[in-house]
């Protein structure tokens, strides 16, 4: 079997509450490998919220401060051919006003990636890993993916990386630039985009990727029965995201303030730097709405909530996305979704299981969309709910999606095999 050892590179899993979506993936793919090494940038020893860790896994934290050290000593790296080629690519792509910023981004990333690659080689030596019988897998398409691309250039081992949203779409950044994408895409064994939209964006961004990019949807495990029948007159709307600008939770508050229902209840799962600001906004604008900011809770509690409470709608008004796992969770619970048509969201939400709205939406139009749905008769609403659950089963059921993904990983060969 190819890849008896899986080396997973991530930022937080399993030492904090973040990257919760890795839990389901590890439940499915870890048993396919003899050993799993989780190489995580987190050193958090706080509340882990019952994170799943495979029995065959070893968790190895690495120091991001160490990766940052000695930047001035790395000045010689700007004369490497890969750096000069990337510099030329960035200068062609970007207006002159962004050139200095792009150079700094490139310099930081090549420094971090080189140090991480060297760390991985030390890990390989200390752990007695057979490089030709291992899979190095970065969960993000960032400097960790660059480190793996460099590692594969040196050692020929199997190296892959997922691409999601912020690490896939340059237009989410200022400047609108993601470093070393051509090098990473060309030199990894495979890039795995979580959406078709992400793959298409990479192809346009670098001018073609050949067969180097595959699409593999994320997924959600949910064995709970969806609630299809409503037993009260409460209208419950849920959202789930980090409280950061790109998620536009302030726009959700705007929309809710325009609804005329007197029995409206909004619950938001997730936390972030904008929480105090958004709570103040909600207090000011949602006098007609009962609302709760739940903060970060175990993922199982979210699914239990959806299974025990009739949630009328799930709402996501992000300005950019990959395909949100939060939407997959809602669909798995039979909850219709109102979401902006950004990134790969249209691959999860359609007019059978919810409502796609333009990225440049008008809040009043979204409020009217919600009102129109709430005015549908019971049979029509139940059909939306059934369609939502069926779509999850057909497209985002975790055991199937991650099972296929594990087979893809095991099928990749090192250059020396």
Protein backbone atom coordinates (compact mmCIF):
# COMPACT_ATOMS: atom_id res chain seq x y z
CA UNK A 1 0.00 0.00 0.00
CA UNK A 2 1.38 3.44 -0.94
CA UNK A 3 1.77 6.01 1.81
CA UNK A 4 1.89 3.92 4.98
CA UNK A 5 2.78 7.10 6.87
CA UNK A 6 0.73 10.28 6.49
CA UNK A 7 2.36 13.54 7.59
CA UNK A 8 -0.37 16.18 7.97
CA UNK A 9 0.67 19.84 8.14
CA UNK A 10 -1.91 22.18 9.67
CA UNK A 11 -2.24 25.31 11.80
CA UNK A 12 -4.33 24.39 14.84
CA UNK A 13 -5.69 20.83 14.77
CA UNK A 14 -6.00 19.19 17.24
CA UNK A 15 -4.61 21.52 19.92
CA UNK A 16 -7.31 24.20 19.75
CA UNK A 17 -10.92 24.64 18.70
CA UNK A 18 -9.98 25.78 15.21
CA UNK A 19 -9.82 23.64 12.06
CA UNK A 20 -12.68 21.58 13.49
CA UNK A 21 -13.47 20.28 10.01
CA UNK A 22 -10.31 18.16 10.03
CA UNK A 23 -11.87 15.87 12.65
CA UNK A 24 -14.24 14.14 10.23
CA UNK A 25 -11.52 13.83 7.60
CA UNK A 26 -9.17 12.14 10.05
CA UNK A 27 -11.91 9.76 11.18
CA UNK A 28 -12.06 8.44 7.63
CA UNK A 29 -8.53 8.66 6.23
CA UNK A 30 -6.35 7.92 9.28
CA UNK A 31 -7.30 4.20 9.34
CA UNK A 32 -6.04 3.96 5.77
CA UNK A 33 -2.48 4.58 6.98
CA UNK A 34 -0.22 2.68 9.33
CA UNK A 35 0.87 5.88 11.08
CA UNK A 36 -0.19 9.55 11.07
CA UNK A 37 2.08 12.41 12.15
CA UNK A 38 0.18 15.65 12.73
CA UNK A 39 2.66 18.48 12.33
CA UNK A 40 0.79 21.48 13.74
CA UNK A 41 1.75 25.11 14.16
CA UNK A 42 -0.40 25.38 17.28
CA UNK A 43 1.06 25.13 20.74
CA UNK A 44 -2.27 25.92 22.41
CA UNK A 45 -2.92 23.74 25.43
CA UNK A 46 -6.31 25.27 26.26
CA UNK A 47 -9.82 23.98 25.65
CA UNK A 48 -9.79 21.52 22.74
CA UNK A 49 -13.56 20.98 22.67
CA UNK A 50 -13.32 17.19 22.45
CA UNK A 51 -11.23 17.10 19.30
CA UNK A 52 -10.89 13.75 17.56
CA UNK A 53 -7.34 12.41 17.41
CA UNK A 54 -6.72 9.07 15.64
CA UNK A 55 -5.30 6.24 17.72
CA UNK A 56 -2.43 5.86 15.25
CA UNK A 57 -1.52 9.57 15.33
CA UNK A 58 1.40 11.41 16.88
CA UNK A 59 0.99 15.17 17.39
CA UNK A 60 4.18 17.18 16.81
CA UNK A 61 3.88 20.96 17.37
CA UNK A 62 6.29 23.17 15.45
CA UNK A 63 7.29 26.72 16.30
CA UNK A 64 6.16 29.47 13.95
CA UNK A 65 8.54 31.82 15.78
CA UNK A 66 11.38 29.54 14.79
CA UNK A 67 10.23 29.72 11.17
CA UNK A 68 10.36 33.52 11.38
CA UNK A 69 13.85 33.68 12.90
CA UNK A 70 16.88 34.72 10.92
CA UNK A 71 15.13 36.53 8.08
CA UNK A 72 18.11 38.77 7.31
CA UNK A 73 20.29 35.70 6.84
CA UNK A 74 17.95 34.60 4.06
CA UNK A 75 18.69 37.53 1.78
CA UNK A 76 20.62 35.28 -0.61
CA UNK A 77 17.38 33.45 -1.41
CA UNK A 78 16.13 36.35 -3.51
CA UNK A 79 18.74 35.40 -6.12
CA UNK A 80 17.39 31.89 -6.56
CA UNK A 81 15.87 31.25 -10.01
CA UNK A 82 12.49 30.31 -8.46
CA UNK A 83 12.39 33.66 -6.62
CA UNK A 84 13.37 35.67 -9.67
CA UNK A 85 10.78 33.90 -11.81
CA UNK A 86 8.10 34.58 -9.20
CA UNK A 87 9.17 38.20 -8.98
CA UNK A 88 8.75 38.59 -12.74
CA UNK A 89 5.33 36.86 -12.57
CA UNK A 90 4.14 39.12 -9.76
CA UNK A 91 5.32 42.27 -11.51
CA UNK A 92 3.43 41.27 -14.66
CA UNK A 93 0.29 40.53 -12.64
CA UNK A 94 0.23 43.54 -10.35
CA UNK A 95 0.18 47.33 -10.71
CA UNK A 96 3.41 49.08 -9.74
CA UNK A 97 1.92 50.29 -6.45
CA UNK A 98 1.83 46.67 -5.20
CA UNK A 99 5.35 45.64 -6.17
CA UNK A 100 7.03 46.37 -2.84
CA UNK A 101 4.26 44.60 -0.89
CA UNK A 102 4.47 41.58 -3.20
CA UNK A 103 8.25 41.41 -2.75
CA UNK A 104 7.85 41.39 1.05
CA UNK A 105 5.22 38.64 0.88
CA UNK A 106 7.47 36.53 -1.33
CA UNK A 107 10.47 37.03 0.93
CA UNK A 108 8.60 36.05 4.08
CA UNK A 109 7.04 32.97 2.47
CA UNK A 110 10.25 31.60 0.99
CA UNK A 111 11.96 32.10 4.36
CA UNK A 112 9.19 30.31 6.28
CA UNK A 113 8.92 27.55 3.71
CA UNK A 114 12.66 26.86 3.60
CA UNK A 115 12.85 26.61 7.39
CA UNK A 116 9.78 24.37 7.49
CA UNK A 117 11.18 22.12 4.77
CA UNK A 118 14.38 21.72 6.78
CA UNK A 119 12.32 20.95 9.88
CA UNK A 120 10.46 18.25 7.97
CA UNK A 121 13.74 16.67 6.90
CA UNK A 122 14.82 16.57 10.55
CA UNK A 123 11.43 15.09 11.49
CA UNK A 124 11.90 12.47 8.78
CA UNK A 125 15.33 11.56 10.13
CA UNK A 126 14.26 11.49 13.80
CA UNK A 127 11.11 9.46 13.13
CA UNK A 128 12.80 6.99 10.77
CA UNK A 129 10.20 7.69 8.09
CA UNK A 130 10.62 6.05 4.70
CA UNK A 131 10.11 8.99 2.33
CA UNK A 132 9.16 6.72 -0.54
CA UNK A 133 6.42 5.14 1.52
CA UNK A 134 4.91 8.33 2.92
CA UNK A 135 2.49 11.10 1.96
CA UNK A 136 3.16 14.68 3.04
CA UNK A 137 -0.14 16.55 3.12
CA UNK A 138 -0.60 20.26 3.83
CA UNK A 139 -4.15 21.15 4.74
CA UNK A 140 -3.58 24.70 3.43
CA UNK A 141 -2.16 26.00 0.16
CA UNK A 142 0.19 28.51 1.79
CA UNK A 143 3.84 28.53 2.89
CA UNK A 144 3.38 24.93 4.09
CA UNK A 145 2.45 23.89 0.55
CA UNK A 146 5.49 25.80 -0.71
CA UNK A 147 7.69 23.87 1.76
CA UNK A 148 6.29 20.60 0.42
CA UNK A 149 6.83 21.67 -3.19
CA UNK A 150 10.46 22.40 -2.33
CA UNK A 151 10.74 19.09 -0.46
CA UNK A 152 9.43 17.17 -3.46
CA UNK A 153 11.91 18.95 -5.75
CA UNK A 154 14.73 17.74 -3.51
CA UNK A 155 13.56 14.26 -2.51
CA UNK A 156 10.87 13.20 -5.00
CA UNK A 157 8.44 12.15 -2.26
CA UNK A 158 4.65 12.38 -2.49
CA UNK A 159 3.54 15.88 -1.47
CA UNK A 160 0.01 17.27 -1.76
CA UNK A 161 -1.92 20.29 -0.49
CA UNK A 162 -5.55 21.27 -0.25
CA UNK A 163 -6.75 24.69 -1.41
CA UNK A 164 -9.81 26.26 0.20
CA UNK A 165 -10.76 29.94 -0.07
CA UNK A 166 -8.32 32.51 1.31
CA UNK A 167 -5.42 30.34 0.10
CA UNK A 168 -7.01 29.87 -3.33
CA UNK A 169 -8.40 33.24 -4.40
CA UNK A 170 -5.90 36.09 -4.72
CA UNK A 171 -8.69 38.66 -4.94
CA UNK A 172 -9.39 38.10 -1.22
CA UNK A 173 -6.10 39.81 -0.39
CA UNK A 174 -4.58 43.27 -0.52
CA UNK A 175 -2.53 43.25 -2.64
CA UNK A 176 -4.47 40.72 -4.76
CA UNK A 177 -1.58 38.29 -4.85
CA UNK A 178 -0.75 34.79 -3.61
CA UNK A 179 2.96 33.93 -3.72
CA UNK A 180 4.63 31.11 -5.62
CA UNK A 181 1.42 29.55 -6.92
CA UNK A 182 3.01 28.53 -10.22
CA UNK A 183 5.91 26.86 -8.42
CA UNK A 184 3.64 25.11 -5.91
CA UNK A 185 1.15 23.90 -8.52
CA UNK A 186 3.92 22.67 -10.83
CA UNK A 187 5.98 20.87 -8.20
CA UNK A 188 3.49 19.27 -5.81
CA UNK A 189 2.38 15.77 -6.68
CA UNK A 190 -1.15 17.17 -6.64
CA UNK A 191 -3.12 20.20 -5.49
CA UNK A 192 -6.58 19.31 -4.25
CA UNK A 193 -9.10 22.13 -4.51
CA UNK A 194 -12.22 21.83 -2.38
CA UNK A 195 -14.30 23.38 -5.18
CA UNK A 196 -14.54 23.43 -8.96
CA UNK A 197 -14.45 27.22 -8.75
CA UNK A 198 -11.11 27.02 -6.97
CA UNK A 199 -9.60 24.82 -9.65
CA UNK A 200 -10.85 27.14 -12.38
CA UNK A 201 -9.40 30.14 -10.56
CA UNK A 202 -5.97 28.52 -10.28
CA UNK A 203 -6.00 27.69 -13.98
CA UNK A 204 -6.77 31.30 -14.88
CA UNK A 205 -4.37 32.74 -12.29
CA UNK A 206 -1.28 30.86 -13.44
CA UNK A 207 -2.31 30.23 -17.04
CA UNK A 208 -3.12 26.52 -16.88
CA UNK A 209 -2.35 23.68 -14.48
CA UNK A 210 -2.73 20.58 -16.64
CA UNK A 211 -3.64 17.59 -14.49
CA UNK A 212 -1.89 18.98 -11.41
CA UNK A 213 -5.13 20.16 -9.77
CA UNK A 214 -7.93 17.82 -8.72
CA UNK A 215 -11.25 18.60 -7.06
CA UNK A 216 -12.22 16.75 -3.91
CA UNK A 217 -15.13 18.06 -1.86
CA UNK A 218 -14.93 18.23 1.89
CA UNK A 219 -17.70 16.46 3.77
CA UNK A 220 -19.64 16.17 6.97
CA UNK A 221 -20.52 13.18 9.15
CA UNK A 222 -24.02 13.51 10.59
CA UNK A 223 -25.96 10.46 11.75
CA UNK A 224 -28.77 12.49 13.29
CA UNK A 225 -32.24 12.54 11.76
CA UNK A 226 -33.21 15.88 10.20
CA UNK A 227 -36.29 17.66 11.52
CA UNK A 228 -38.78 18.05 8.69
CA UNK A 229 -41.89 18.95 10.74
CA UNK A 230 -42.30 22.24 12.60
CA UNK A 231 -43.91 22.11 16.05
CA UNK A 232 -43.92 25.78 17.11
CA UNK A 233 -44.50 29.21 15.61
CA UNK A 234 -40.94 30.39 16.35
CA UNK A 235 -38.89 31.33 13.29
CA UNK A 236 -35.32 30.22 13.94
CA UNK A 237 -32.50 31.37 11.66
CA UNK A 238 -28.92 30.22 12.23
CA UNK A 239 -25.49 31.23 10.98
CA UNK A 240 -22.05 29.83 11.71
CA UNK A 241 -18.71 31.47 10.96
CA UNK A 242 -15.76 33.30 12.38
CA UNK A 243 -16.61 36.88 13.27
CA UNK A 244 -14.26 38.48 10.75
CA UNK A 245 -14.89 41.02 7.97
CA UNK A 246 -15.09 38.56 5.05
CA UNK A 247 -18.02 36.73 6.69
CA UNK A 248 -20.14 39.93 6.67
CA UNK A 249 -22.15 39.03 9.76
CA UNK A 250 -23.02 42.73 10.00
CA UNK A 251 -25.01 42.29 6.79
CA UNK A 252 -26.91 39.39 8.39
CA UNK A 253 -27.90 41.79 11.18
CA UNK A 254 -29.05 44.33 8.57
CA UNK A 255 -31.20 41.72 6.86
CA UNK A 256 -32.74 40.46 10.09
CA UNK A 257 -33.60 44.00 11.15
CA UNK A 258 -35.78 44.29 8.05
CA UNK A 259 -37.90 41.23 8.78
CA UNK A 260 -41.33 41.98 10.23
CA UNK A 261 -41.85 38.74 12.15
CA UNK A 262 -42.43 39.17 15.87
CA UNK A 263 -41.34 35.63 16.77
CA UNK A 264 -37.91 35.73 15.13
CA UNK A 265 -34.90 34.08 16.79
CA UNK A 266 -31.33 34.25 15.41
CA UNK A 267 -28.48 32.07 16.68
CA UNK A 268 -24.89 32.55 15.56
CA UNK A 269 -22.18 29.95 16.21
CA UNK A 270 -18.59 31.17 16.10
CA UNK A 271 -16.33 33.85 17.53
CA UNK A 272 -13.75 36.34 16.41
CA UNK A 273 -12.32 39.86 16.73
CA UNK A 274 -15.56 41.56 15.63
CA UNK A 275 -17.71 39.99 18.31
CA UNK A 276 -18.07 43.02 20.59
CA UNK A 277 -18.79 45.30 17.64
CA UNK A 278 -21.40 42.93 16.22
CA UNK A 279 -23.07 42.40 19.59
CA UNK A 280 -23.38 46.17 19.96
CA UNK A 281 -24.82 46.42 16.47
CA UNK A 282 -27.32 43.65 17.18
CA UNK A 283 -28.40 45.31 20.43
CA UNK A 284 -29.05 48.53 18.53
CA UNK A 285 -30.75 47.12 15.43
CA UNK A 286 -32.49 43.90 16.50
CA UNK A 287 -35.06 45.10 19.01
CA UNK A 288 -37.59 42.87 17.24
CA UNK A 289 -35.36 39.78 17.28
CA UNK A 290 -34.28 37.39 20.00
CA UNK A 291 -30.62 36.66 19.29
CA UNK A 292 -27.69 34.70 20.71
CA UNK A 293 -23.97 34.72 19.99
CA UNK A 294 -23.00 31.21 21.06
CA UNK A 295 -19.26 31.62 20.55
CA UNK A 296 -17.08 28.61 19.84
CA UNK A 297 -18.76 25.37 20.85
CA UNK A 298 -17.99 21.73 20.04
CA UNK A 299 -19.08 20.84 16.54
CA UNK A 300 -21.22 18.02 17.90
CA UNK A 301 -23.23 20.59 19.87
CA UNK A 302 -24.04 22.48 16.67
CA UNK A 303 -25.29 19.31 15.01
CA UNK A 304 -27.25 18.37 18.15
CA UNK A 305 -28.82 21.83 18.13
CA UNK A 306 -29.88 21.42 14.49
CA UNK A 307 -31.33 17.98 15.26
CA UNK A 308 -33.32 19.11 18.30
CA UNK A 309 -34.50 22.53 17.17
CA UNK A 310 -36.42 23.26 13.97
CA UNK A 311 -34.12 25.72 12.18
CA UNK A 312 -36.10 27.41 9.42
CA UNK A 313 -33.12 28.74 7.48
CA UNK A 314 -29.34 28.92 7.56
CA UNK A 315 -27.78 32.15 6.29
CA UNK A 316 -24.28 32.88 4.99
CA UNK A 317 -23.55 36.30 3.46
CA UNK A 318 -19.77 36.03 3.04
CA UNK A 319 -18.00 38.11 0.42
CA UNK A 320 -15.73 35.15 -0.43
CA UNK A 321 -15.76 31.42 0.28
CA UNK A 322 -14.46 28.04 -0.80
CA UNK A 323 -17.38 25.75 -0.04
CA UNK A 324 -18.24 26.33 3.63
CA UNK A 325 -18.44 23.25 5.84
CA UNK A 326 -21.03 25.21 7.83
CA UNK A 327 -23.33 25.03 4.81
CA UNK A 328 -22.70 21.29 4.48
CA UNK A 329 -23.69 20.90 8.13
CA UNK A 330 -26.92 22.82 7.58
CA UNK A 331 -27.77 20.75 4.52
CA UNK A 332 -27.07 17.54 6.42
CA UNK A 333 -29.68 18.63 8.98
CA UNK A 334 -32.23 19.36 6.25
CA UNK A 335 -31.97 23.14 6.66
CA UNK A 336 -32.44 25.26 3.53
CA UNK A 337 -29.65 27.78 2.95
CA UNK A 338 -29.60 31.44 1.94
CA UNK A 339 -26.09 32.27 0.72
CA UNK A 340 -24.11 34.62 -1.47
CA UNK A 341 -23.02 33.30 -4.83
CA UNK A 342 -19.27 33.53 -4.17
CA UNK A 343 -16.40 31.06 -4.57
CA UNK A 344 -17.75 27.52 -4.71
CA UNK A 345 -20.97 28.16 -2.78
CA UNK A 346 -23.05 27.57 -5.91
CA UNK A 347 -21.73 23.99 -5.87
CA UNK A 348 -23.61 23.46 -2.60
CA UNK A 349 -26.64 25.76 -2.79
CA UNK A 350 -29.20 25.81 -5.56
CA UNK A 351 -32.86 26.72 -6.08
CA UNK A 352 -33.93 23.30 -4.88
CA UNK A 353 -32.30 23.40 -1.45
CA UNK A 354 -32.07 27.12 -0.82
CA UNK A 355 -31.46 30.51 -2.36
CA UNK A 356 -28.34 31.96 -3.99
CA UNK A 357 -28.11 35.73 -3.88
CA UNK A 358 -25.68 38.03 -5.72
CA UNK A 359 -22.36 38.91 -4.10
CA UNK A 360 -23.32 42.60 -4.32
CA UNK A 361 -26.75 41.95 -2.79
CA UNK A 362 -29.18 44.49 -1.44
CA UNK A 363 -30.17 43.67 2.15
CA UNK A 364 -33.83 44.44 1.48
CA UNK A 365 -33.85 41.90 -1.37
CA UNK A 366 -32.42 39.22 0.92
CA UNK A 367 -35.03 40.03 3.55
CA UNK A 368 -37.71 39.63 0.89
CA UNK A 369 -36.25 36.27 -0.18
CA UNK A 370 -36.48 35.06 3.42
CA UNK A 371 -40.02 36.39 3.75
CA UNK A 372 -41.08 34.66 0.55
CA UNK A 373 -39.75 31.35 1.83
CA UNK A 374 -41.43 31.73 5.21
CA UNK A 375 -44.72 32.40 3.41
CA UNK A 376 -44.57 29.08 1.53
CA UNK A 377 -46.96 26.40 2.64
CA UNK A 378 -45.80 23.52 4.83
CA UNK A 379 -45.48 21.02 1.98
CA UNK A 380 -43.29 23.38 -0.05
CA UNK A 381 -40.99 24.10 2.89
CA UNK A 382 -40.69 20.39 3.68
CA UNK A 383 -39.65 19.73 0.08
CA UNK A 384 -36.82 22.25 0.43
CA UNK A 385 -35.75 20.50 3.63
CA UNK A 386 -35.81 17.07 2.03
CA UNK A 387 -33.87 18.39 -0.96
CA UNK A 388 -31.25 19.89 1.37
CA UNK A 389 -30.61 16.57 3.13
CA UNK A 390 -30.64 14.61 -0.13
CA UNK A 391 -28.11 17.00 -1.67
CA UNK A 392 -25.77 16.51 1.30
CA UNK A 393 -26.05 12.74 1.00
CA UNK A 394 -25.27 12.86 -2.72
CA UNK A 395 -22.42 15.40 -2.58
CA UNK A 396 -21.01 16.05 0.88
CA UNK A 397 -21.34 12.86 2.87
CA UNK A 398 -17.95 12.64 4.58
CA UNK A 399 -17.30 8.92 4.57
CA UNK A 400 -17.72 8.73 0.80
CA UNK A 401 -15.82 11.94 -0.02
CA UNK A 402 -12.90 11.31 2.31
CA UNK A 403 -12.80 7.66 1.36
CA UNK A 404 -12.23 8.67 -2.26
CA UNK A 405 -9.69 11.25 -1.14
CA UNK A 406 -7.75 8.61 0.82
CA UNK A 407 -7.67 6.38 -2.25
CA UNK A 408 -6.30 9.31 -4.27
CA UNK A 409 -3.53 9.87 -1.72
CA UNK A 410 -2.61 6.20 -1.62
CA UNK A 411 -2.51 6.07 -5.41
CA UNK A 412 0.14 8.77 -5.76
CA UNK A 413 3.68 7.52 -6.32
CA UNK A 414 6.99 9.03 -5.33
CA UNK A 415 9.35 9.84 -8.19
CA UNK A 416 11.73 7.11 -7.05
CA UNK A 417 9.06 4.36 -7.18
